[in-house]
Every structure is written in structure tokens, then in C-alpha cells.
Amino acid sequence: MRKLVISILVAAMLAAMLAGGCSKPAPSPAPTPTPAPALPKTLDIGVAVVLTGVTAHIGTNIQNAILMAIDDRNEQGGATIAGQKYVLNPIVRDTKQDIIAAKSIAEELVFDKGVKVISGPFIADAVGVQSVTEPNKVMLFGISVVVPAMIGPNKPYTFFSGRPKRQMLNNPCAYIQKFYPEAKTVISLIPDISDLPTFTDAAETMCQRYGLDWQGYEKMPIDTKDFMPIISRVLPKNPDIIDTSSTGGAMGAMCALLVKQLRQAGFNGIIMIPAVPPPGLIEEVVPKEYLTKVVTNDLNPDGPVVTQAYRDICNGYEKKFGQVPVDIVAWVYNCQSAFYKFLDGQTTMDTTAWMEGFEKYRWQGPFGFESFWIGKPIWGIDRCLLGPAWTSEYKNGKLVTEWAAPLPYDMFVEK
């Protein structure tokens, strides 16, 4: 009987448990694991620049300006495009200032490496690179318009970070009109390379704008080592002003020799240097007593009109690369840093969308005015940037930067 009672009690307890009266708590569900953040991908940037030959000093500065802009963007987290974070990765190639070599390099970068952007070609190499980038909708950032066929509505993927040639001549011509109004006649000495027509156009156009009488040009081989023969042909024409045109950019240190030999030959007029040679070479090669009435686009970063943003670029460059930058560094950095900032937040990897968006992009550049794309009245498309308007003069051997030329917006901006 006792066993029967115990069995009944156990059965009752089991029934109560099954009914929920003494139910055991269900185990908590396992927490959902937090997905790991997606690792950044690499976005390759082609850097095609001249690293050998007479313009290697320019190419090296262009390369370093691009690398500095890339490093600065990566330090700020890279670029997030279509929800994916990217680290920018430069792929550097030497174009040797050769149109055929540049075309081959562009083919490697576009077809083998799959880049969507190439930056840095300078003169003839830009023509070679562009022949590959445009038909494949790859964005190209050149420095300046070498030949008119490089820019127009049929070349929408090509942008130019360097100021137009006409602005390069605008600054010294405006300076001379203001400070040397008695000087009128101008002759240009121009290296015989592919951008010669754009420099002669700029000289003739801007001299006329500022009331100067441009009397033409004398061209010289790019490998010239002694300028006395050409100087002896020019001086009998008694010009008030001699324009060294693209000599500083195309021939580098030889521009300093040209200035020295002009003075040695007895020319006491104004010397214009729109394209500047490597920093310090003018002071090193040209005796102090010859360095006066030399008007140049070169800049003293400590000049009273120069912005702190420009000084910061120069100081950052010198700290990073151990050398003083040429003026072209600020042009390139201005464009490159703006483009990488523009990329951050884009919703697509389509370069046509990038091109159309960047065409309308505006930003506060380092030159004291807003940067935006200009040029449509001349070329039918806005694809160039205006550079600094600050203009300098060597006075008693010292580079003085204390004046800014008027910006020629009327020439480049559609009304």
C-alpha cells in the first residue's frame, strides 16, 4: 500500500512539472556574433612621370606631390567608395619624356593593372598616355595642355592641374605693365619641343593684353649648352624684355645659364621667367649683381602675399622628401588632394560618374581663391585649373614676392 501511495505522489509531481508548475527555465539563445568589419581593398593609382632626362627634376617633383597627396588621404582613412573602404596604392612608372614609352606604360597600367586613374605625365609623354586613357574611360591628370588637340569636349576624361600657359605669361606681363610701364618690346627664346606653339600663343596673347609689343621668338634645341649664338642674334633687335618661355621647365638648370649669359652679353633689360628652373639654381649660377629686373613665377614662400596653406605644402614637402619643391608641386598637390577627397563618399566605381562629378567640384585651394575647373571659352570644356597669381622679382640678388597679378577669369570662365 505504501509503495502505491509513493508511486501516485511521484506521478502527480511529474504531471505538475509537465503542466509548467515547476518547469525548468529554457536556455537563453546564443548571442549573434558581430560581423568583423570588411578589410580595406586596394585602389591602384597609376603615376606616369618623367624620371630620366633633362626634365627629370620636374617629373620627380610631380611624382612626389602625387605621393604626398596619396599618403595624406590614406592617413585620413583612405577613400570609401560604394560602401567599400580603399587604401590608395601608387604604381610609379618612368615615361622618359617619350611618347611611345608613355603609351606602352599606359597600356600596362590600364590593361594589366586595371587602374582607373593615371596622374603625372608632363609634355610629350602626356600625349602618349592620353591615347590610351581616353578611349578606355580612364581618368588622366596631366600638368598642362601640350597641344590643343589634347583638350576639348571629345577628351572629357583628361584634367590639367597646371595653370594654363596664358596664365603663366599673365603674371609677368601684368607685373611689367604695373612696375615697368616704359618697357614695351618683347622677344621670346623658346626650346624647340612639342609645347612651343602653346607658349608662343600665350606670349603673343598676353603681351597684347597688357600693352606689350611681342616681336616674335627664336627657337633653340633642347640640348643647347651655350646660348651666346642665339643671344647674339636677338640683342641687335634691342628688345626691352626677353622672355625665357618654357626654358626653366624644359631645360631645368640651363635656364639659369641663359640668364647669366644674357647679362654677360650686355643685356640690361627685363628678363621674364614664366617656367621656373629647380629651386636655388638661379642664385647659385647667376652672380648677384646680374640678378635684378628678373621677373618670375618662382615664389618666396615667406612673401607677405603668400598664403599659409601654400607654405604648409612647401614645408610638408621639404620635410617629407628633403628638398625644396618647385612651384609645380603646389599645383599638382592641389588637384590630387582634392580628387582623393572627392572620391571618398562616391557611390560607384564608374569613372564616367567620377568624371562628371569632379568636373563640377569646387574646393578651397592653397592660392587664396576657390579652385574650380575653367577653360570652356577657349577649349569648349572646363578642364584646367588656375594657379597662383603671385609674381616675384629678383631685386639685388634677392627673390621678392609681394604682389599678385589679376586673375584672367574673363579669358577662361564662361559668362
Protein backbone atom coordinates (compact mmCIF):
# COMPACT_ATOMS: atom_id res chain seq x y z
CA MET A 1 0.00 0.00 0.00
CA ARG A 2 2.83 2.41 0.90
CA LYS A 3 4.54 1.77 -2.43
CA LEU A 4 1.29 2.55 -4.21
CA VAL A 5 0.98 5.93 -2.42
CA ILE A 6 4.61 6.88 -3.28
CA SER A 7 4.03 5.94 -6.92
CA ILE A 8 0.89 8.11 -7.02
CA LEU A 9 2.77 11.09 -5.48
CA VAL A 10 5.67 10.77 -7.94
CA ALA A 11 3.21 10.59 -10.82
CA ALA A 12 1.45 13.70 -9.54
CA MET A 13 4.72 15.59 -9.23
CA LEU A 14 5.69 14.65 -12.78
CA ALA A 15 2.30 15.76 -14.04
CA ALA A 16 2.68 19.11 -12.26
CA MET A 17 6.10 19.62 -13.78
CA LEU A 18 4.77 18.83 -17.24
CA ALA A 19 1.94 21.31 -16.66
CA GLY A 20 4.53 24.05 -16.00
CA GLY A 21 4.11 24.45 -12.30
CA CYS A 22 7.81 23.61 -11.68
CA SER A 23 9.13 23.98 -15.23
CA LYS A 24 12.86 24.42 -15.78
CA PRO A 25 13.84 27.76 -17.48
CA ALA A 26 14.64 27.38 -21.17
CA PRO A 27 18.25 28.12 -22.03
CA SER A 28 18.96 31.64 -23.41
CA PRO A 29 19.62 31.79 -27.16
CA ALA A 30 23.29 32.10 -28.12
CA PRO A 31 24.26 35.73 -28.94
CA THR A 32 24.55 36.52 -32.65
CA PRO A 33 28.23 37.13 -33.43
CA THR A 34 29.07 40.69 -34.61
CA PRO A 35 30.40 40.54 -38.16
CA ALA A 36 34.01 41.61 -38.50
CA PRO A 37 34.45 44.90 -40.36
CA ALA A 38 35.32 44.47 -44.04
CA LEU A 39 39.02 44.79 -44.66
CA PRO A 40 40.06 47.70 -46.91
CA LYS A 41 40.75 46.94 -50.52
CA THR A 42 43.49 48.50 -52.63
CA LEU A 43 42.74 51.13 -55.24
CA ASP A 44 45.71 51.38 -57.58
CA ILE A 45 46.67 54.82 -58.91
CA GLY A 46 48.94 54.99 -61.95
CA VAL A 47 51.76 57.53 -61.61
CA ALA A 48 53.37 58.04 -65.03
CA VAL A 49 56.10 60.67 -64.79
CA VAL A 50 59.40 61.72 -66.38
CA LEU A 51 62.17 60.44 -64.10
CA THR A 52 65.09 60.45 -66.57
CA GLY A 53 66.37 63.10 -68.96
CA VAL A 54 66.55 66.88 -68.87
CA THR A 55 63.10 67.32 -67.29
CA ALA A 56 63.59 64.67 -64.61
CA HIS A 57 63.68 67.36 -61.92
CA ILE A 58 60.12 68.34 -62.87
CA GLY A 59 58.97 64.72 -63.05
CA THR A 60 60.41 63.96 -59.63
CA ASN A 61 58.57 66.91 -58.11
CA ILE A 62 55.32 65.85 -59.81
CA GLN A 63 55.75 62.27 -58.58
CA ASN A 64 56.43 63.40 -55.02
CA ALA A 65 53.45 65.76 -54.99
CA ILE A 66 51.18 62.88 -56.04
CA LEU A 67 52.68 60.56 -53.43
CA MET A 68 52.26 63.20 -50.72
CA ALA A 69 48.57 63.64 -51.61
CA ILE A 70 48.05 59.86 -51.59
CA ASP A 71 49.78 59.48 -48.22
CA ASP A 72 47.73 62.31 -46.73
CA ARG A 73 44.46 60.71 -47.89
CA ASN A 74 45.48 57.28 -46.57
CA GLU A 75 46.34 58.85 -43.20
CA GLN A 76 42.77 60.18 -43.16
CA GLY A 77 41.35 56.71 -43.71
CA GLY A 78 41.67 56.30 -47.47
CA ALA A 79 38.53 56.51 -49.59
CA THR A 80 35.19 54.78 -49.07
CA ILE A 81 33.54 54.18 -52.44
CA ALA A 82 30.20 52.39 -52.85
CA GLY A 83 30.41 51.31 -49.20
CA GLN A 84 33.87 49.73 -49.55
CA LYS A 85 36.93 51.26 -47.93
CA TYR A 86 40.02 51.56 -50.14
CA VAL A 87 43.66 52.26 -49.43
CA LEU A 88 45.24 54.19 -52.30
CA ASN A 89 48.26 52.46 -53.82
CA PRO A 90 50.56 54.31 -56.27
CA ILE A 91 52.15 52.38 -59.15
CA VAL A 92 55.03 54.54 -60.41
CA ARG A 93 56.45 54.31 -63.94
CA ASP A 94 59.10 56.40 -65.75
CA THR A 95 57.83 57.74 -69.09
CA LYS A 96 61.30 59.06 -70.06
CA GLN A 97 59.53 62.04 -71.72
CA ASP A 98 58.91 59.76 -74.71
CA ILE A 99 55.54 59.48 -76.39
CA ILE A 100 55.99 55.81 -77.37
CA ALA A 101 57.29 54.72 -73.97
CA ALA A 102 54.45 56.62 -72.30
CA LYS A 103 51.84 54.89 -74.46
CA SER A 104 53.31 51.49 -73.56
CA ILE A 105 53.29 52.35 -69.87
CA ALA A 106 49.66 53.49 -70.07
CA GLU A 107 48.72 50.18 -71.72
CA GLU A 108 50.39 48.26 -68.90
CA LEU A 109 48.69 50.34 -66.21
CA VAL A 110 45.24 50.18 -67.82
CA PHE A 111 45.13 46.65 -69.25
CA ASP A 112 47.43 44.74 -66.88
CA LYS A 113 46.99 46.64 -63.61
CA GLY A 114 43.41 47.75 -64.17
CA VAL A 115 43.90 51.31 -62.94
CA LYS A 116 41.06 53.79 -63.25
CA VAL A 117 43.28 56.86 -62.82
CA ILE A 118 46.70 57.89 -64.19
CA SER A 119 48.44 61.04 -62.95
CA GLY A 120 51.62 62.91 -63.79
CA PRO A 121 52.59 62.97 -67.50
CA PHE A 122 54.15 66.30 -68.34
CA ILE A 123 54.93 67.06 -72.01
CA ALA A 124 55.08 64.61 -74.95
CA ASP A 125 54.51 61.70 -72.56
CA ALA A 126 51.05 63.11 -71.78
CA VAL A 127 50.07 62.71 -75.43
CA GLY A 128 51.11 59.05 -75.38
CA VAL A 129 49.27 58.31 -72.15
CA GLN A 130 46.11 60.09 -73.30
CA SER A 131 45.90 57.93 -76.44
CA VAL A 132 45.17 55.01 -74.09
CA THR A 133 43.21 56.63 -71.27
CA GLU A 134 40.52 58.47 -73.23
CA PRO A 135 39.16 55.55 -75.31
CA ASN A 136 39.13 53.36 -72.20
CA LYS A 137 37.41 55.93 -69.97
CA VAL A 138 40.37 56.15 -67.59
CA MET A 139 40.81 59.48 -65.84
CA LEU A 140 44.05 61.28 -66.67
CA PHE A 141 45.57 64.12 -64.66
CA GLY A 142 48.18 65.84 -66.81
CA ILE A 143 50.05 69.01 -65.95
CA SER A 144 49.39 71.35 -68.86
CA VAL A 145 47.95 71.41 -72.35
CA VAL A 146 50.86 70.49 -74.61
CA VAL A 147 48.99 70.67 -77.92
CA PRO A 148 45.45 71.98 -78.49
CA ALA A 149 44.23 68.54 -79.61
CA MET A 150 44.69 67.28 -76.04
CA ILE A 151 41.72 69.23 -74.71
CA GLY A 152 38.14 69.58 -75.87
CA PRO A 153 34.65 68.10 -75.48
CA ASN A 154 35.87 64.88 -77.10
CA LYS A 155 38.51 64.42 -74.34
CA PRO A 156 36.34 64.60 -71.20
CA TYR A 157 38.40 62.21 -69.02
CA THR A 158 41.56 64.40 -69.12
CA PHE A 159 42.11 67.11 -66.50
CA PHE A 160 45.08 69.51 -66.20
CA SER A 161 46.34 70.59 -62.78
CA GLY A 162 48.89 73.15 -64.00
CA ARG A 163 47.83 76.67 -64.78
CA PRO A 164 47.22 77.39 -68.46
CA LYS A 165 50.15 78.79 -70.45
CA ARG A 166 48.31 82.07 -70.82
CA GLN A 167 48.19 82.45 -67.04
CA MET A 168 51.90 81.62 -66.84
CA LEU A 169 52.53 84.63 -69.08
CA ASN A 170 49.74 86.67 -67.49
CA ASN A 171 51.61 87.09 -64.22
CA PRO A 172 54.91 88.56 -65.50
CA CYS A 173 53.24 90.61 -68.24
CA ALA A 174 50.87 92.20 -65.73
CA TYR A 175 53.78 92.83 -63.36
CA ILE A 176 55.82 94.57 -66.04
CA GLN A 177 52.91 96.76 -67.09
CA LYS A 178 52.46 97.91 -63.49
CA PHE A 179 56.06 98.33 -62.35
CA TYR A 180 57.95 98.93 -65.63
CA PRO A 181 55.47 100.82 -67.82
CA GLU A 182 58.28 102.16 -70.02
CA ALA A 183 59.24 98.63 -71.16
CA LYS A 184 57.36 97.65 -74.31
CA THR A 185 59.10 95.30 -76.76
CA VAL A 186 59.38 91.56 -76.06
CA ILE A 187 61.22 88.68 -77.75
CA SER A 188 60.81 85.05 -76.61
CA LEU A 189 63.57 82.43 -76.51
CA ILE A 190 61.85 79.03 -76.71
CA PRO A 191 63.11 75.42 -76.63
CA ASP A 192 62.07 73.58 -79.78
CA ILE A 193 59.74 70.96 -78.26
CA SER A 194 56.10 69.96 -78.61
CA ASP A 195 54.63 72.71 -76.43
CA LEU A 196 56.30 75.52 -78.41
CA PRO A 197 53.03 76.58 -80.16
CA THR A 198 51.14 76.91 -76.86
CA PHE A 199 53.90 79.09 -75.40
CA THR A 200 54.08 81.34 -78.46
CA ASP A 201 50.29 81.72 -78.38
CA ALA A 202 50.46 82.64 -74.69
CA ALA A 203 53.27 85.16 -75.22
CA GLU A 204 51.53 86.89 -78.13
CA THR A 205 48.10 86.92 -76.45
CA MET A 206 49.16 88.12 -73.02
CA CYS A 207 51.63 90.71 -74.30
CA GLN A 208 48.83 92.23 -76.32
CA ARG A 209 46.52 92.15 -73.28
CA TYR A 210 48.99 94.23 -71.26
CA GLY A 211 50.09 96.66 -73.96
CA LEU A 212 53.43 94.99 -74.77
CA ASP A 213 54.76 94.61 -78.29
CA TRP A 214 55.63 90.95 -78.84
CA GLN A 215 58.14 90.81 -81.69
CA GLY A 216 58.22 87.05 -82.13
CA TYR A 217 60.51 84.29 -80.96
CA GLU A 218 63.77 82.47 -81.54
CA LYS A 219 63.69 78.73 -81.04
CA MET A 220 66.63 76.67 -79.80
CA PRO A 221 67.41 72.96 -79.49
CA ILE A 222 66.53 71.49 -76.11
CA ASP A 223 70.10 70.19 -75.74
CA THR A 224 71.62 73.69 -76.13
CA LYS A 225 74.64 74.17 -73.85
CA ASP A 226 75.72 77.65 -74.98
CA PHE A 227 73.17 80.37 -75.61
CA MET A 228 75.60 83.00 -76.90
CA PRO A 229 74.89 82.32 -80.62
CA ILE A 230 71.15 82.85 -80.19
CA ILE A 231 71.71 85.81 -77.86
CA SER A 232 73.91 87.44 -80.50
CA ARG A 233 71.01 87.23 -82.97
CA VAL A 234 68.49 88.69 -80.53
CA LEU A 235 70.29 91.61 -78.91
CA PRO A 236 70.70 93.66 -82.13
CA LYS A 237 66.88 93.90 -82.17
CA ASN A 238 67.10 95.93 -78.92
CA PRO A 239 64.20 94.34 -77.00
CA ASP A 240 63.19 95.85 -73.67
CA ILE A 241 62.18 92.40 -72.38
CA ILE A 242 63.43 88.88 -73.08
CA ASP A 243 61.02 86.06 -72.30
CA THR A 244 62.71 82.73 -71.44
CA SER A 245 59.41 80.94 -72.10
CA SER A 246 59.48 77.21 -71.24
CA THR A 247 63.27 77.06 -70.75
CA GLY A 248 63.08 76.69 -66.97
CA GLY A 249 60.72 73.74 -67.14
CA ALA A 250 62.03 72.01 -70.26
CA MET A 251 65.76 72.61 -69.75
CA GLY A 252 66.00 72.99 -65.99
CA ALA A 253 69.34 74.34 -64.86
CA MET A 254 70.12 75.69 -68.33
CA CYS A 255 67.62 78.48 -67.70
CA ALA A 256 69.99 79.86 -65.07
CA LEU A 257 72.83 79.78 -67.60
CA LEU A 258 70.64 81.63 -70.10
CA VAL A 259 70.01 84.42 -67.57
CA LYS A 260 73.73 84.63 -66.78
CA GLN A 261 74.78 84.74 -70.43
CA LEU A 262 72.16 87.39 -71.26
CA ARG A 263 73.69 89.66 -68.63
CA GLN A 264 77.24 88.78 -69.68
CA ALA A 265 76.33 89.73 -73.24
CA GLY A 266 75.27 93.17 -72.05
CA PHE A 267 71.50 92.84 -71.85
CA ASN A 268 70.34 95.12 -69.05
CA GLY A 269 66.60 94.92 -69.71
CA ILE A 270 63.93 92.84 -68.06
CA ILE A 271 64.19 89.04 -68.12
CA MET A 272 60.93 87.09 -67.74
CA ILE A 273 60.95 83.54 -66.36
CA PRO A 274 57.41 82.12 -66.65
CA ALA A 275 58.57 78.48 -66.29
CA VAL A 276 60.93 78.21 -63.37
CA PRO A 277 64.10 76.07 -63.00
CA PRO A 278 64.91 73.96 -59.93
CA PRO A 279 64.99 75.94 -56.66
CA GLY A 280 68.23 77.67 -55.79
CA LEU A 281 69.87 77.29 -59.20
CA ILE A 282 69.30 80.88 -60.28
CA GLU A 283 71.01 82.15 -57.13
CA GLU A 284 73.78 79.57 -57.46
CA VAL A 285 74.62 80.17 -61.13
CA VAL A 286 73.84 83.85 -61.69
CA PRO A 287 76.06 86.41 -59.92
CA LYS A 288 74.16 88.64 -57.51
CA GLU A 289 74.90 91.78 -59.50
CA TYR A 290 73.11 90.24 -62.50
CA LEU A 291 70.02 89.30 -60.52
CA THR A 292 67.90 92.39 -60.83
CA LYS A 293 64.93 93.16 -63.07
CA VAL A 294 64.29 89.40 -63.37
CA VAL A 295 60.51 88.84 -63.20
CA THR A 296 59.46 85.28 -62.45
CA ASN A 297 56.66 82.92 -61.43
CA ASP A 298 59.05 81.48 -58.84
CA LEU A 299 57.92 82.22 -55.31
CA ASN A 300 59.40 83.08 -51.96
CA PRO A 301 57.00 81.20 -49.62
CA ASP A 302 57.71 83.75 -46.90
CA GLY A 303 56.49 86.63 -49.06
CA PRO A 304 53.78 88.76 -47.41
CA VAL A 305 51.11 87.92 -50.01
CA VAL A 306 51.63 84.13 -49.91
CA THR A 307 49.04 82.07 -48.01
CA GLN A 308 49.79 79.86 -45.04
CA ALA A 309 48.22 76.94 -46.91
CA TYR A 310 50.83 77.30 -49.66
CA ARG A 311 53.63 77.50 -47.06
CA ASP A 312 52.28 74.35 -45.40
CA ILE A 313 52.53 72.44 -48.69
CA CYS A 314 56.10 73.63 -49.22
CA ASN A 315 57.14 72.86 -45.65
CA GLY A 316 55.44 69.45 -45.68
CA TYR A 317 57.12 68.56 -48.96
CA GLU A 318 60.57 69.60 -47.75
CA LYS A 319 60.14 67.64 -44.52
CA LYS A 320 58.94 64.53 -46.35
CA PHE A 321 61.37 64.48 -49.28
CA GLY A 322 64.33 66.52 -48.03
CA GLN A 323 64.27 69.03 -50.88
CA VAL A 324 62.76 72.39 -51.68
CA PRO A 325 59.80 71.99 -54.09
CA VAL A 326 59.42 73.74 -57.41
CA ASP A 327 56.23 75.73 -57.94
CA ILE A 328 54.56 72.86 -59.83
CA VAL A 329 54.30 70.83 -56.60
CA ALA A 330 51.53 73.05 -55.21
CA TRP A 331 49.57 72.85 -58.49
CA VAL A 332 49.72 69.05 -58.52
CA TYR A 333 49.04 68.63 -54.80
CA ASN A 334 46.07 71.00 -55.02
CA CYS A 335 44.43 68.88 -57.72
CA GLN A 336 45.38 65.44 -56.40
CA SER A 337 44.35 66.02 -52.79
CA ALA A 338 41.02 67.44 -53.97
CA PHE A 339 40.34 64.44 -56.22
CA TYR A 340 41.05 61.86 -53.50
CA LYS A 341 38.81 63.77 -51.10
CA PHE A 342 36.13 63.82 -53.82
CA LEU A 343 36.44 60.02 -54.24
CA ASP A 344 35.74 59.47 -50.55
CA GLY A 345 31.98 59.03 -50.41
CA GLN A 346 31.31 58.29 -54.08
CA THR A 347 28.61 55.67 -54.60
CA THR A 348 30.02 53.98 -57.69
CA MET A 349 33.27 52.79 -59.24
CA ASP A 350 32.17 54.08 -62.64
CA THR A 351 34.77 56.55 -63.95
CA THR A 352 32.19 58.34 -66.09
CA ALA A 353 30.30 59.26 -62.92
CA TRP A 354 33.60 60.33 -61.31
CA MET A 355 34.48 62.50 -64.30
CA GLU A 356 31.07 64.16 -64.43
CA GLY A 357 31.08 64.80 -60.69
CA PHE A 358 34.63 66.10 -60.46
CA GLU A 359 34.01 68.47 -63.37
CA LYS A 360 31.59 70.37 -61.11
CA TYR A 361 33.65 70.04 -57.92
CA ARG A 362 34.84 73.18 -56.12
CA TRP A 363 37.22 73.46 -53.20
CA GLN A 364 39.30 76.00 -51.34
CA GLY A 365 42.77 75.67 -52.83
CA PRO A 366 46.06 76.92 -51.34
CA PHE A 367 46.35 80.02 -53.55
CA GLY A 368 43.92 82.36 -51.82
CA PHE A 369 40.93 81.74 -54.09
CA GLU A 370 38.44 78.96 -54.78
CA SER A 371 39.62 76.22 -57.14
CA PHE A 372 37.31 75.06 -59.91
CA TRP A 373 37.67 73.86 -63.49
CA ILE A 374 37.96 76.54 -66.18
CA GLY A 375 38.70 76.92 -69.90
CA LYS A 376 35.41 76.48 -71.77
CA PRO A 377 35.57 79.77 -73.72
CA ILE A 378 38.88 78.64 -75.28
CA TRP A 379 38.61 74.84 -75.48
CA GLY A 380 34.88 74.14 -75.25
CA ILE A 381 35.28 72.30 -71.94
CA ASP A 382 36.32 73.15 -68.36
CA ARG A 383 39.36 71.03 -67.61
CA CYS A 384 42.16 73.35 -66.36
CA LEU A 385 42.95 74.91 -63.00
CA LEU A 386 44.20 78.43 -62.45
CA GLY A 387 47.43 78.53 -60.48
CA PRO A 388 48.79 81.16 -58.12
CA ALA A 389 48.74 84.77 -59.25
CA TRP A 390 51.66 85.78 -57.00
CA THR A 391 54.52 87.21 -59.03
CA SER A 392 58.12 87.75 -57.96
CA GLU A 393 61.13 89.79 -58.95
CA TYR A 394 64.79 89.34 -58.20
CA LYS A 395 65.98 92.62 -56.71
CA ASN A 396 69.69 92.93 -55.93
CA GLY A 397 70.02 89.14 -55.85
CA LYS A 398 67.01 88.50 -53.61
CA LEU A 399 63.72 86.88 -54.66
CA VAL A 400 60.90 89.17 -53.55
CA THR A 401 57.25 88.02 -53.64
CA GLU A 402 54.91 90.82 -52.66
CA TRP A 403 52.38 91.26 -55.49
CA ALA A 404 49.58 89.24 -57.10
CA ALA A 405 48.56 89.65 -60.74
CA PRO A 406 44.89 89.99 -61.66
CA LEU A 407 43.35 86.61 -62.41
CA PRO A 408 42.24 86.40 -66.08
CA TYR A 409 38.81 84.92 -65.32
CA ASP A 410 37.27 86.70 -68.31
CA MET A 411 39.50 84.66 -70.59
CA PHE A 412 38.75 81.24 -69.09
CA VAL A 413 35.31 81.32 -67.41
CA GLU A 414 32.10 81.13 -69.40
CA LYS A 415 29.76 84.02 -68.68
